[in-house]
Amino acid sequence: MILTVNIGNTHITVGGYEQNTLKFCGRLHSDPCTTADEYAIGLVSLLSLHGASPEQIEGGILGSVVPVLTGQVLKALHTLCRVRILTVGPGLKSGIKLRLDNPAQLGAELLCGAVAALGECGGPLVVISADTAISMMAVNDRQELVGGVILPGPQLSLDALVKKTAQLPQIDLAAKTPDSILGKSTSACLENGFVLGTASLLDGLAARFCAELGAQTAFYATGSLPLAIRNACRTPIQYRETLITDGLYRIWLRNRKG
């Protein structure tokens, strides 16, 4: 079994591959206060939940956008199994040329998402990774990663708004897409603002990406982008829950003999 581990700001996503097939995918909570031993216990429990064990792990690969957690999780993995664990970063082959001012600053999840998306589409394409923030990164028709945008995620923005106001309530961003822009209550107005507003924001950015990359640009999303927001977008967005996990595995395949 090959283990893939993606450390995000909210969750740590763990996948297990056997014979090029994803056998399971689960999550642990990202917490800088969690020790390496506690992460090791969590990983063992997650493996057991899916009928696997540390003894089955033949290799692994880790991507992280939370440097403070990288060492802790790597230590936990090495506690569980004495195998080679690759870390996404300079030195690993991805098959994508990075046309950025400082490639080392690129988040691992965006690179992995682009690698997986290129397995379905030759480009141009844009990867939308939604977690605490929403990141959109573009790949041109020459399979070069050429840049993108970062903005606050809707849940982060909602939390900040509720915290800074006296009477605005929390709402469920996973609720159904609003039928009308004309909200009749405070909650409905918030739902319209965050669901339809985020969708309109993404549509506007998508139009700008298409203006630079071409009208046939494909959009792939992964992470915690609610279905209601995706449904409200006028831009066709292909959602892949395991896009980053699949990208990690593809990068491992390119580097397994290293």
C-alpha atoms as a PDB file:
ATOM      1  CA  MET A   1       0.000   0.000   0.000  1.00  0.00           C
ATOM      2  CA  ILE A   2       1.155   3.534  -0.828  1.00  0.00           C
ATOM      3  CA  LEU A   3       0.035   6.160   1.673  1.00  0.00           C
ATOM      4  CA  THR A   4      -0.697   9.738   0.587  1.00  0.00           C
ATOM      5  CA  VAL A   5      -0.945  12.487   3.207  1.00  0.00           C
ATOM      6  CA  ASN A   6      -2.080  16.048   2.520  1.00  0.00           C
ATOM      7  CA  ILE A   7      -1.798  18.518   5.412  1.00  0.00           C
ATOM      8  CA  GLY A   8      -4.233  21.409   5.045  1.00  0.00           C
ATOM      9  CA  ASN A   9      -5.151  24.221   7.402  1.00  0.00           C
ATOM     10  CA  THR A  10      -8.304  22.442   8.571  1.00  0.00           C
ATOM     11  CA  HIS A  11      -7.811  18.738   7.842  1.00  0.00           C
ATOM     12  CA  ILE A  12      -5.127  16.154   7.161  1.00  0.00           C
ATOM     13  CA  THR A  13      -6.357  13.910   4.350  1.00  0.00           C
ATOM     14  CA  VAL A  14      -4.931  10.390   4.213  1.00  0.00           C
ATOM     15  CA  GLY A  15      -5.340   8.034   1.256  1.00  0.00           C
ATOM     16  CA  GLY A  16      -4.258   4.449   0.643  1.00  0.00           C
ATOM     17  CA  TYR A  17      -3.526   3.104  -2.859  1.00  0.00           C
ATOM     18  CA  GLU A  18      -3.090  -0.488  -3.979  1.00  0.00           C
ATOM     19  CA  GLN A  19      -2.418  -1.397  -7.621  1.00  0.00           C
ATOM     20  CA  ASN A  20      -3.209   2.164  -8.771  1.00  0.00           C
ATOM     21  CA  THR A  21      -6.604   2.103  -7.039  1.00  0.00           C
ATOM     22  CA  LEU A  22      -7.647   4.301  -4.140  1.00  0.00           C
ATOM     23  CA  LYS A  23      -8.768   1.904  -1.409  1.00  0.00           C
ATOM     24  CA  PHE A  24      -9.690   4.445   1.220  1.00  0.00           C
ATOM     25  CA  CYS A  25      -9.556   8.148   2.011  1.00  0.00           C
ATOM     26  CA  GLY A  26     -10.038   9.619   5.486  1.00  0.00           C
ATOM     27  CA  ARG A  27      -9.348  12.741   7.502  1.00  0.00           C
ATOM     28  CA  LEU A  28      -7.734  13.824  10.739  1.00  0.00           C
ATOM     29  CA  HIS A  29      -8.009  17.284  12.266  1.00  0.00           C
ATOM     30  CA  SER A  30      -5.127  19.719  11.735  1.00  0.00           C
ATOM     31  CA  ASP A  31      -3.975  20.955  15.133  1.00  0.00           C
ATOM     32  CA  PRO A  32      -0.510  22.388  15.908  1.00  0.00           C
ATOM     33  CA  CYS A  33      -0.968  21.306  19.546  1.00  0.00           C
ATOM     34  CA  THR A  34      -1.250  17.622  18.590  1.00  0.00           C
ATOM     35  CA  THR A  35       1.946  15.680  19.247  1.00  0.00           C
ATOM     36  CA  ALA A  36       3.652  13.251  16.865  1.00  0.00           C
ATOM     37  CA  ASP A  37       2.599  10.365  19.147  1.00  0.00           C
ATOM     38  CA  GLU A  38      -1.019  11.510  19.029  1.00  0.00           C
ATOM     39  CA  TYR A  39      -0.894  11.743  15.240  1.00  0.00           C
ATOM     40  CA  ALA A  40       0.602   8.249  15.124  1.00  0.00           C
ATOM     41  CA  ILE A  41      -2.304   6.958  17.210  1.00  0.00           C
ATOM     42  CA  GLY A  42      -4.757   8.754  14.948  1.00  0.00           C
ATOM     43  CA  LEU A  43      -3.152   7.288  11.823  1.00  0.00           C
ATOM     44  CA  VAL A  44      -3.275   3.760  13.256  1.00  0.00           C
ATOM     45  CA  SER A  45      -6.953   4.226  14.114  1.00  0.00           C
ATOM     46  CA  LEU A  46      -7.715   5.579  10.653  1.00  0.00           C
ATOM     47  CA  LEU A  47      -5.951   2.673   8.969  1.00  0.00           C
ATOM     48  CA  SER A  48      -7.767   0.181  11.211  1.00  0.00           C
ATOM     49  CA  LEU A  49     -11.107   1.832  10.457  1.00  0.00           C
ATOM     50  CA  HIS A  50     -10.535   1.033   6.772  1.00  0.00           C
ATOM     51  CA  GLY A  51      -9.211  -2.491   7.320  1.00  0.00           C
ATOM     52  CA  ALA A  52      -5.525  -1.641   6.861  1.00  0.00           C
ATOM     53  CA  SER A  53      -2.439  -1.681   9.066  1.00  0.00           C
ATOM     54  CA  PRO A  54       0.981   0.050   9.184  1.00  0.00           C
ATOM     55  CA  GLU A  55       2.635  -3.215   8.121  1.00  0.00           C
ATOM     56  CA  GLN A  56       0.978  -2.927   4.707  1.00  0.00           C
ATOM     57  CA  ILE A  57       2.580   0.468   3.933  1.00  0.00           C
ATOM     58  CA  GLU A  58       5.328   0.125   1.308  1.00  0.00           C
ATOM     59  CA  GLY A  59       5.933   3.825   0.729  1.00  0.00           C
ATOM     60  CA  GLY A  60       4.332   7.193   1.042  1.00  0.00           C
ATOM     61  CA  ILE A  61       4.226  10.824   0.009  1.00  0.00           C
ATOM     62  CA  LEU A  62       3.324  13.914   1.990  1.00  0.00           C
ATOM     63  CA  GLY A  63       2.234  17.378   0.884  1.00  0.00           C
ATOM     64  CA  SER A  64       1.749  20.236   3.329  1.00  0.00           C
ATOM     65  CA  VAL A  65       0.712  23.882   3.455  1.00  0.00           C
ATOM     66  CA  VAL A  66       1.167  23.985   7.245  1.00  0.00           C
ATOM     67  CA  PRO A  67       4.931  23.925   7.935  1.00  0.00           C
ATOM     68  CA  VAL A  68       4.459  23.738  11.705  1.00  0.00           C
ATOM     69  CA  LEU A  69       2.707  20.364  11.274  1.00  0.00           C
ATOM     70  CA  THR A  70       4.963  18.828   8.630  1.00  0.00           C
ATOM     71  CA  GLY A  71       7.625  17.610  11.039  1.00  0.00           C
ATOM     72  CA  GLN A  72       5.094  16.238  13.516  1.00  0.00           C
ATOM     73  CA  VAL A  73       3.240  14.214  10.904  1.00  0.00           C
ATOM     74  CA  LEU A  74       6.463  12.940   9.290  1.00  0.00           C
ATOM     75  CA  LYS A  75       7.675  11.808  12.709  1.00  0.00           C
ATOM     76  CA  ALA A  76       4.371  10.030  13.254  1.00  0.00           C
ATOM     77  CA  LEU A  77       4.649   8.269   9.892  1.00  0.00           C
ATOM     78  CA  HIS A  78       8.205   7.141  10.596  1.00  0.00           C
ATOM     79  CA  THR A  79       7.057   5.831  13.982  1.00  0.00           C
ATOM     80  CA  LEU A  80       4.502   3.634  12.215  1.00  0.00           C
ATOM     81  CA  CYS A  81       6.595   2.303   9.345  1.00  0.00           C
ATOM     82  CA  ARG A  82      10.240   2.260   8.246  1.00  0.00           C
ATOM     83  CA  VAL A  83       9.612   3.129   4.620  1.00  0.00           C
ATOM     84  CA  ARG A  84      10.581   6.003   2.333  1.00  0.00           C
ATOM     85  CA  ILE A  85       8.215   8.974   2.658  1.00  0.00           C
ATOM     86  CA  LEU A  86       8.557  11.567  -0.114  1.00  0.00           C
ATOM     87  CA  THR A  87       7.759  15.234   0.576  1.00  0.00           C
ATOM     88  CA  VAL A  88       6.299  17.411  -2.179  1.00  0.00           C
ATOM     89  CA  GLY A  89       8.681  20.262  -2.911  1.00  0.00           C
ATOM     90  CA  PRO A  90      11.826  21.156  -4.835  1.00  0.00           C
ATOM     91  CA  GLY A  91      13.560  18.045  -6.139  1.00  0.00           C
ATOM     92  CA  LEU A  92      10.465  15.971  -6.892  1.00  0.00           C
ATOM     93  CA  LYS A  93       9.344  15.548 -10.492  1.00  0.00           C
ATOM     94  CA  SER A  94       5.744  16.575 -11.181  1.00  0.00           C
ATOM     95  CA  GLY A  95       5.676  16.856 -14.978  1.00  0.00           C
ATOM     96  CA  ILE A  96       4.611  20.506 -14.757  1.00  0.00           C
ATOM     97  CA  LYS A  97       6.844  23.513 -15.393  1.00  0.00           C
ATOM     98  CA  LEU A  98       6.345  26.238 -12.782  1.00  0.00           C
ATOM     99  CA  ARG A  99       6.310  29.704 -14.350  1.00  0.00           C
ATOM    100  CA  LEU A 100       6.229  31.544 -11.021  1.00  0.00           C
ATOM    101  CA  ASP A 101       8.445  34.184  -9.426  1.00  0.00           C
ATOM    102  CA  ASN A 102       9.155  31.883  -6.473  1.00  0.00           C
ATOM    103  CA  PRO A 103       8.109  28.271  -7.178  1.00  0.00           C
ATOM    104  CA  ALA A 104       9.014  27.239  -3.622  1.00  0.00           C
ATOM    105  CA  GLN A 105       6.041  29.276  -2.354  1.00  0.00           C
ATOM    106  CA  LEU A 106       3.485  27.231  -4.322  1.00  0.00           C
ATOM    107  CA  GLY A 107       1.181  25.277  -2.042  1.00  0.00           C
ATOM    108  CA  ALA A 108       1.575  21.526  -2.377  1.00  0.00           C
ATOM    109  CA  GLU A 109      -2.178  21.010  -2.754  1.00  0.00           C
ATOM    110  CA  LEU A 110      -2.302  23.247  -5.838  1.00  0.00           C
ATOM    111  CA  LEU A 111       0.550  21.444  -7.534  1.00  0.00           C
ATOM    112  CA  CYS A 112      -0.999  18.068  -6.738  1.00  0.00           C
ATOM    113  CA  GLY A 113      -4.410  19.216  -7.932  1.00  0.00           C
ATOM    114  CA  ALA A 114      -2.910  20.427 -11.208  1.00  0.00           C
ATOM    115  CA  VAL A 115      -1.089  17.114 -11.716  1.00  0.00           C
ATOM    116  CA  ALA A 116      -4.316  15.146 -11.204  1.00  0.00           C
ATOM    117  CA  ALA A 117      -6.401  17.478 -13.391  1.00  0.00           C
ATOM    118  CA  LEU A 118      -3.880  17.131 -16.226  1.00  0.00           C
ATOM    119  CA  GLY A 119      -4.521  13.399 -16.054  1.00  0.00           C
ATOM    120  CA  GLU A 120      -8.038  14.161 -17.326  1.00  0.00           C
ATOM    121  CA  CYS A 121      -7.492  17.311 -19.377  1.00  0.00           C
ATOM    122  CA  GLY A 122      -4.466  18.496 -21.324  1.00  0.00           C
ATOM    123  CA  GLY A 123      -5.097  22.138 -20.462  1.00  0.00           C
ATOM    124  CA  PRO A 124      -5.683  24.950 -20.255  1.00  0.00           C
ATOM    125  CA  LEU A 125      -7.273  24.464 -16.866  1.00  0.00           C
ATOM    126  CA  VAL A 126      -7.733  26.047 -13.467  1.00  0.00           C
ATOM    127  CA  VAL A 127      -7.607  24.163 -10.163  1.00  0.00           C
ATOM    128  CA  ILE A 128      -9.821  25.530  -7.388  1.00  0.00           C
ATOM    129  CA  SER A 129      -8.733  24.311  -3.951  1.00  0.00           C
ATOM    130  CA  ALA A 130     -11.141  25.295  -1.166  1.00  0.00           C
ATOM    131  CA  ASP A 131     -10.236  25.048   2.492  1.00  0.00           C
ATOM    132  CA  THR A 132      -9.870  27.954   4.917  1.00  0.00           C
ATOM    133  CA  ALA A 133      -8.909  29.940   1.818  1.00  0.00           C
ATOM    134  CA  ILE A 134      -9.912  29.459  -1.809  1.00  0.00           C
ATOM    135  CA  SER A 135      -6.928  29.195  -4.149  1.00  0.00           C
ATOM    136  CA  MET A 136      -7.232  29.157  -7.937  1.00  0.00           C
ATOM    137  CA  MET A 137      -4.179  28.200  -9.993  1.00  0.00           C
ATOM    138  CA  ALA A 138      -3.930  28.134 -13.783  1.00  0.00           C
ATOM    139  CA  VAL A 139      -2.166  25.718 -16.132  1.00  0.00           C
ATOM    140  CA  ASN A 140      -1.837  26.774 -19.779  1.00  0.00           C
ATOM    141  CA  ASP A 141      -2.072  24.589 -22.894  1.00  0.00           C
ATOM    142  CA  ARG A 142       1.686  23.913 -22.687  1.00  0.00           C
ATOM    143  CA  GLN A 143       1.150  22.330 -19.258  1.00  0.00           C
ATOM    144  CA  GLU A 144       2.905  25.191 -17.497  1.00  0.00           C
ATOM    145  CA  LEU A 145       1.590  26.410 -14.166  1.00  0.00           C
ATOM    146  CA  VAL A 146       1.425  30.146 -14.742  1.00  0.00           C
ATOM    147  CA  GLY A 147      -0.180  31.732 -11.659  1.00  0.00           C
ATOM    148  CA  GLY A 148      -3.481  32.414  -9.967  1.00  0.00           C
ATOM    149  CA  VAL A 149      -5.343  34.000  -7.065  1.00  0.00           C
ATOM    150  CA  ILE A 150      -5.975  33.442  -3.348  1.00  0.00           C
ATOM    151  CA  LEU A 151      -9.023  34.724  -1.475  1.00  0.00           C
ATOM    152  CA  PRO A 152     -10.795  34.024   1.832  1.00  0.00           C
ATOM    153  CA  GLY A 153     -13.065  30.996   1.867  1.00  0.00           C
ATOM    154  CA  PRO A 154     -16.794  31.619   2.475  1.00  0.00           C
ATOM    155  CA  GLN A 155     -16.817  29.936   5.898  1.00  0.00           C
ATOM    156  CA  LEU A 156     -13.870  32.045   7.077  1.00  0.00           C
ATOM    157  CA  SER A 157     -15.586  35.206   5.834  1.00  0.00           C
ATOM    158  CA  LEU A 158     -18.866  34.194   7.470  1.00  0.00           C
ATOM    159  CA  ASP A 159     -17.170  33.479  10.806  1.00  0.00           C
ATOM    160  CA  ALA A 160     -15.464  36.876  10.728  1.00  0.00           C
ATOM    161  CA  LEU A 161     -18.729  38.671   9.868  1.00  0.00           C
ATOM    162  CA  VAL A 162     -20.710  36.950  12.637  1.00  0.00           C
ATOM    163  CA  LYS A 163     -17.936  37.625  15.162  1.00  0.00           C
ATOM    164  CA  LYS A 164     -17.753  41.330  14.302  1.00  0.00           C
ATOM    165  CA  THR A 165     -21.516  41.999  14.269  1.00  0.00           C
ATOM    166  CA  ALA A 166     -24.128  41.917  17.020  1.00  0.00           C
ATOM    167  CA  GLN A 167     -27.163  40.367  15.363  1.00  0.00           C
ATOM    168  CA  LEU A 168     -26.070  38.340  12.350  1.00  0.00           C
ATOM    169  CA  PRO A 169     -26.466  34.573  12.862  1.00  0.00           C
ATOM    170  CA  GLN A 170     -24.399  31.664  11.601  1.00  0.00           C
ATOM    171  CA  ILE A 171     -25.919  29.946   8.572  1.00  0.00           C
ATOM    172  CA  ASP A 172     -25.424  26.601   6.877  1.00  0.00           C
ATOM    173  CA  LEU A 173     -23.474  27.147   3.659  1.00  0.00           C
ATOM    174  CA  ALA A 174     -24.306  23.569   2.647  1.00  0.00           C
ATOM    175  CA  ALA A 175     -28.033  24.371   2.445  1.00  0.00           C
ATOM    176  CA  LYS A 176     -29.759  24.354  -0.941  1.00  0.00           C
ATOM    177  CA  THR A 177     -29.060  27.023  -3.515  1.00  0.00           C
ATOM    178  CA  PRO A 178     -31.295  30.085  -2.903  1.00  0.00           C
ATOM    179  CA  ASP A 179     -34.245  30.351  -5.311  1.00  0.00           C
ATOM    180  CA  SER A 180     -34.106  34.142  -5.494  1.00  0.00           C
ATOM    181  CA  ILE A 181     -31.678  36.968  -4.819  1.00  0.00           C
ATOM    182  CA  LEU A 182     -34.502  38.654  -2.861  1.00  0.00           C
ATOM    183  CA  GLY A 183     -33.938  37.365   0.668  1.00  0.00           C
ATOM    184  CA  LYS A 184     -36.952  37.799   2.966  1.00  0.00           C
ATOM    185  CA  SER A 185     -35.143  37.296   6.291  1.00  0.00           C
ATOM    186  CA  THR A 186     -31.734  37.971   7.777  1.00  0.00           C
ATOM    187  CA  SER A 187     -30.734  34.336   7.335  1.00  0.00           C
ATOM    188  CA  ALA A 188     -31.949  34.295   3.732  1.00  0.00           C
ATOM    189  CA  CYS A 189     -30.057  37.499   2.984  1.00  0.00           C
ATOM    190  CA  LEU A 190     -26.874  35.954   4.400  1.00  0.00           C
ATOM    191  CA  GLU A 191     -27.400  32.777   2.380  1.00  0.00           C
ATOM    192  CA  ASN A 192     -27.843  34.854  -0.765  1.00  0.00           C
ATOM    193  CA  GLY A 193     -24.777  36.905   0.009  1.00  0.00           C
ATOM    194  CA  PHE A 194     -22.489  33.992   0.712  1.00  0.00           C
ATOM    195  CA  VAL A 195     -23.841  31.407  -1.744  1.00  0.00           C
ATOM    196  CA  LEU A 196     -24.789  33.595  -4.703  1.00  0.00           C
ATOM    197  CA  GLY A 197     -22.104  36.160  -3.898  1.00  0.00           C
ATOM    198  CA  THR A 198     -19.310  33.570  -3.767  1.00  0.00           C
ATOM    199  CA  ALA A 199     -20.612  31.955  -6.962  1.00  0.00           C
ATOM    200  CA  SER A 200     -20.667  35.325  -8.728  1.00  0.00           C
ATOM    201  CA  LEU A 201     -17.147  36.049  -7.493  1.00  0.00           C
ATOM    202  CA  LEU A 202     -15.918  32.715  -8.858  1.00  0.00           C
ATOM    203  CA  ASP A 203     -17.710  33.323 -12.165  1.00  0.00           C
ATOM    204  CA  GLY A 204     -16.068  36.724 -12.465  1.00  0.00           C
ATOM    205  CA  LEU A 205     -12.622  35.319 -11.781  1.00  0.00           C
ATOM    206  CA  ALA A 206     -13.277  32.423 -14.172  1.00  0.00           C
ATOM    207  CA  ALA A 207     -14.076  34.902 -16.952  1.00  0.00           C
ATOM    208  CA  ARG A 208     -10.744  36.636 -16.348  1.00  0.00           C
ATOM    209  CA  PHE A 209      -8.886  33.313 -16.416  1.00  0.00           C
ATOM    210  CA  CYS A 210     -10.587  32.420 -19.720  1.00  0.00           C
ATOM    211  CA  ALA A 211      -9.650  35.809 -21.161  1.00  0.00           C
ATOM    212  CA  GLU A 212      -5.968  34.988 -20.582  1.00  0.00           C
ATOM    213  CA  LEU A 213      -5.902  31.206 -21.082  1.00  0.00           C
ATOM    214  CA  GLY A 214      -8.608  30.692 -23.710  1.00  0.00           C
ATOM    215  CA  ALA A 215     -12.343  30.134 -23.864  1.00  0.00           C
ATOM    216  CA  GLN A 216     -11.960  26.349 -23.558  1.00  0.00           C
ATOM    217  CA  THR A 217     -10.364  26.548 -20.113  1.00  0.00           C
ATOM    218  CA  ALA A 218     -11.606  23.751 -17.830  1.00  0.00           C
ATOM    219  CA  PHE A 219     -12.235  24.292 -14.113  1.00  0.00           C
ATOM    220  CA  TYR A 220     -11.610  21.598 -11.492  1.00  0.00           C
ATOM    221  CA  ALA A 221     -12.560  22.061  -7.843  1.00  0.00           C
ATOM    222  CA  THR A 222     -11.748  20.119  -4.714  1.00  0.00           C
ATOM    223  CA  GLY A 223     -11.973  20.595  -0.964  1.00  0.00           C
ATOM    224  CA  SER A 224     -14.711  22.298   1.038  1.00  0.00           C
ATOM    225  CA  LEU A 225     -16.494  24.246  -1.685  1.00  0.00           C
ATOM    226  CA  PRO A 226     -20.186  23.663  -0.819  1.00  0.00           C
ATOM    227  CA  LEU A 227     -22.433  22.079  -3.425  1.00  0.00           C
ATOM    228  CA  ALA A 228     -24.845  25.011  -3.184  1.00  0.00           C
ATOM    229  CA  ILE A 229     -22.095  27.394  -4.302  1.00  0.00           C
ATOM    230  CA  ARG A 230     -20.965  25.095  -7.108  1.00  0.00           C
ATOM    231  CA  ASN A 231     -24.570  24.753  -8.317  1.00  0.00           C
ATOM    232  CA  ALA A 232     -24.987  28.526  -8.272  1.00  0.00           C
ATOM    233  CA  CYS A 233     -21.930  29.062 -10.487  1.00  0.00           C
ATOM    234  CA  ARG A 234     -22.643  29.664 -14.165  1.00  0.00           C
ATOM    235  CA  THR A 235     -19.161  28.428 -14.980  1.00  0.00           C
ATOM    236  CA  PRO A 236     -19.023  24.620 -15.473  1.00  0.00           C
ATOM    237  CA  ILE A 237     -16.963  23.301 -12.546  1.00  0.00           C
ATOM    238  CA  GLN A 238     -15.942  19.662 -12.299  1.00  0.00           C
ATOM    239  CA  TYR A 239     -15.692  18.655  -8.648  1.00  0.00           C
ATOM    240  CA  ARG A 240     -13.234  15.901  -7.678  1.00  0.00           C
ATOM    241  CA  GLU A 241     -13.212  15.079  -3.971  1.00  0.00           C
ATOM    242  CA  THR A 242      -9.900  13.198  -4.161  1.00  0.00           C
ATOM    243  CA  LEU A 243      -8.143  15.462  -6.685  1.00  0.00           C
ATOM    244  CA  ILE A 244      -5.215  16.305  -4.376  1.00  0.00           C
ATOM    245  CA  THR A 245      -4.914  12.735  -3.116  1.00  0.00           C
ATOM    246  CA  ASP A 246      -4.777  11.460  -6.704  1.00  0.00           C
ATOM    247  CA  GLY A 247      -2.173  14.098  -7.566  1.00  0.00           C
ATOM    248  CA  LEU A 248       0.008  13.023  -4.646  1.00  0.00           C
ATOM    249  CA  TYR A 249      -0.121   9.434  -5.875  1.00  0.00           C
ATOM    250  CA  ARG A 250       0.749  10.472  -9.438  1.00  0.00           C
ATOM    251  CA  ILE A 251       3.777  12.389  -8.151  1.00  0.00           C
ATOM    252  CA  TRP A 252       4.816   9.366  -6.100  1.00  0.00           C
ATOM    253  CA  LEU A 253       4.671   7.221  -9.252  1.00  0.00           C
ATOM    254  CA  ARG A 254       6.995   9.667 -11.047  1.00  0.00           C
ATOM    255  CA  ASN A 255       9.530   9.568  -8.198  1.00  0.00           C
ATOM    256  CA  ARG A 256       9.309   6.074  -6.748  1.00  0.00           C
ATOM    257  CA  LYS A 257      12.636   4.952  -8.195  1.00  0.00           C
ATOM    258  CA  GLY A 258      14.490   8.000  -6.858  1.00  0.00           C
END
